Amino acid sequence: MKENMTHAKECSVYPGEYTLLPETEALMNELKVSSGNFGVLPLINMEELDDCFKIEVIIPGAKREDLFIHIKDNTLSIVVLHKHSELKKKLQIHEFDAKCTERHILLPLNADSEFTSAEYKHGILRLHVPKNQHPFQSGVVKQIVIY
């Protein structure tokens, strides 16, 4: 009798965990381009403090909801989706039209992705990555919510 029962697909989503909407995930996959086509990447500053790493990323003109951050192993990935209006403008000079910008930052081995916090204000993304005495856990993907 149990063999005939259909089971819902198991999900690894925990209450309060941030997951992308299917439409946003599809858009990110559609806009994925090779890293050689980005031109200028967002500039970063990374400072090591006594108890954490402070990372600042310059991302002018983006909205908080267009920023996606995750950490896998010891690589911090920042993705910015640039949603353009469908209005066709007659431009005198057209030198950029980025749909997606990505920046990957290799974190030190003692960085703790579990308690990473992020804030986006006035075009600057600030991340605080606490230090940990234990080495990072391989294969763990952590989505970072931006405040």
Protein backbone atom coordinates (compact mmCIF):
# COMPACT_ATOMS: atom_id res chain seq x y z
CA MET A 1 0.00 0.00 0.00
CA LYS A 2 2.84 2.40 0.79
CA GLU A 3 4.37 1.78 -2.64
CA ASN A 4 1.30 3.21 -4.40
CA MET A 5 1.31 6.41 -2.38
CA THR A 6 2.80 9.48 -4.01
CA HIS A 7 5.08 11.61 -1.92
CA ALA A 8 5.77 15.28 -2.31
CA LYS A 9 9.29 16.23 -3.28
CA GLU A 10 11.35 16.71 -0.14
CA CYS A 11 12.57 20.22 0.38
CA SER A 12 15.58 21.35 2.39
CA VAL A 13 14.07 24.72 3.21
CA TYR A 14 13.97 25.62 6.87
CA PRO A 15 11.59 28.17 8.36
CA GLY A 16 13.15 31.59 7.99
CA GLU A 17 15.64 30.45 5.34
CA TYR A 18 15.97 32.75 2.33
CA THR A 19 15.25 31.07 -1.01
CA LEU A 20 14.97 32.63 -4.44
CA LEU A 21 11.59 32.87 -6.12
CA PRO A 22 11.41 30.55 -9.15
CA GLU A 23 11.05 33.55 -11.49
CA THR A 24 14.16 35.21 -10.02
CA GLU A 25 16.16 31.99 -10.20
CA ALA A 26 15.11 31.51 -13.85
CA LEU A 27 16.11 35.13 -14.63
CA MET A 28 19.51 34.64 -12.98
CA ASN A 29 20.11 31.47 -15.02
CA GLU A 30 19.02 33.25 -18.22
CA LEU A 31 21.31 36.21 -17.59
CA LYS A 32 24.34 34.13 -16.62
CA VAL A 33 27.23 35.13 -18.84
CA SER A 34 30.89 34.20 -18.90
CA SER A 35 33.14 36.11 -16.53
CA GLY A 36 35.15 37.58 -19.42
CA ASN A 37 32.25 39.76 -20.59
CA PHE A 38 31.76 41.85 -17.47
CA GLY A 39 34.10 44.74 -18.17
CA VAL A 40 34.60 46.48 -14.83
CA LEU A 41 33.78 44.40 -11.76
CA PRO A 42 32.49 46.03 -8.58
CA LEU A 43 35.44 47.33 -6.57
CA ILE A 44 35.99 45.96 -3.07
CA ASN A 45 37.84 46.74 0.13
CA MET A 46 38.48 43.95 2.62
CA GLU A 47 39.75 44.69 6.11
CA GLU A 48 40.71 42.17 8.76
CA LEU A 49 39.63 43.18 12.25
CA ASP A 50 40.23 41.31 15.53
CA ASP A 51 36.95 39.37 15.42
CA CYS A 52 35.73 39.64 11.80
CA PHE A 53 36.44 40.55 8.20
CA LYS A 54 34.81 43.74 6.94
CA ILE A 55 34.11 43.83 3.21
CA GLU A 56 32.82 46.87 1.33
CA VAL A 57 31.65 46.63 -2.27
CA ILE A 58 30.79 49.64 -4.42
CA ILE A 59 27.57 48.92 -6.35
CA PRO A 60 26.02 52.26 -7.36
CA GLY A 61 22.52 52.47 -8.78
CA ALA A 62 21.41 48.98 -7.74
CA LYS A 63 18.37 48.20 -5.63
CA ARG A 64 18.64 45.97 -2.58
CA GLU A 65 16.23 43.45 -4.11
CA ASP A 66 18.52 43.08 -7.16
CA LEU A 67 21.49 41.93 -5.05
CA PHE A 68 22.04 38.25 -4.30
CA ILE A 69 24.82 37.00 -2.04
CA HIS A 70 25.82 33.48 -1.15
CA ILE A 71 28.85 31.73 0.27
CA LYS A 72 29.89 28.27 -0.87
CA ASP A 73 32.96 26.73 0.73
CA ASN A 74 35.12 29.82 1.25
CA THR A 75 34.00 31.76 -1.83
CA LEU A 76 31.71 34.77 -1.39
CA SER A 77 29.62 35.39 -4.52
CA ILE A 78 27.80 38.66 -5.19
CA VAL A 79 25.36 38.80 -8.10
CA VAL A 80 23.69 42.02 -9.26
CA LEU A 81 20.78 41.76 -11.69
CA HIS A 82 20.29 44.95 -13.69
CA LYS A 83 16.64 45.10 -14.70
CA HIS A 84 16.17 47.60 -17.52
CA SER A 85 12.87 49.04 -18.60
CA GLU A 86 11.60 47.97 -21.99
CA LEU A 87 11.58 51.57 -23.24
CA LYS A 88 13.79 51.97 -26.28
CA LYS A 89 15.72 55.20 -25.96
CA LYS A 90 17.58 56.93 -28.72
CA LEU A 91 21.01 57.32 -27.15
CA GLN A 92 23.76 59.49 -28.57
CA ILE A 93 26.42 57.22 -27.01
CA HIS A 94 25.70 53.68 -25.77
CA GLU A 95 28.74 52.15 -24.07
CA PHE A 96 27.21 49.79 -21.51
CA ASP A 97 24.25 47.48 -21.17
CA ALA A 98 25.01 45.04 -18.37
CA LYS A 99 22.29 42.56 -17.49
CA CYS A 100 24.17 40.71 -14.79
CA THR A 101 27.32 41.45 -12.81
CA GLU A 102 29.09 38.90 -10.65
CA ARG A 103 31.99 39.21 -8.24
CA HIS A 104 33.59 36.28 -6.44
CA ILE A 105 35.79 36.86 -3.40
CA LEU A 106 37.96 34.15 -1.89
CA LEU A 107 37.55 34.34 1.89
CA PRO A 108 40.23 33.29 4.39
CA LEU A 109 39.89 29.77 5.79
CA ASN A 110 38.93 31.07 9.24
CA ALA A 111 35.88 33.01 7.93
CA ASP A 112 32.54 31.88 9.38
CA SER A 113 29.80 32.07 6.74
CA GLU A 114 27.07 31.02 9.20
CA PHE A 115 26.81 34.42 10.88
CA THR A 116 27.67 36.71 7.97
CA SER A 117 25.60 39.90 7.81
CA ALA A 118 25.09 42.34 4.91
CA GLU A 119 23.76 45.87 4.57
CA TYR A 120 23.27 47.90 1.37
CA LYS A 121 23.06 51.66 1.80
CA HIS A 122 23.91 54.60 -0.49
CA GLY A 123 25.47 52.37 -3.18
CA ILE A 124 27.80 50.54 -0.78
CA LEU A 125 27.33 46.92 0.22
CA ARG A 126 28.89 46.23 3.64
CA LEU A 127 29.48 42.67 4.79
CA HIS A 128 30.71 41.50 8.18
CA VAL A 129 32.10 37.97 8.15
CA PRO A 130 32.98 36.74 11.64
CA LYS A 131 36.14 34.76 12.27
CA ASN A 132 35.92 31.15 13.36
CA GLN A 133 38.46 28.91 15.07
CA HIS A 134 37.29 25.91 13.04
CA PRO A 135 37.94 25.57 9.30
CA PHE A 136 35.05 26.13 6.89
CA GLN A 137 32.64 23.30 6.07
CA SER A 138 33.08 22.13 2.51
CA GLY A 139 30.01 22.04 0.27
CA VAL A 140 27.82 24.23 2.50
CA VAL A 141 25.92 26.97 0.63
CA LYS A 142 24.70 29.90 2.73
CA GLN A 143 22.38 32.59 1.33
CA ILE A 144 23.01 36.01 2.87
CA VAL A 145 20.04 38.31 3.46
CA ILE A 146 20.74 42.00 2.81
CA TYR A 147 19.35 44.58 5.22
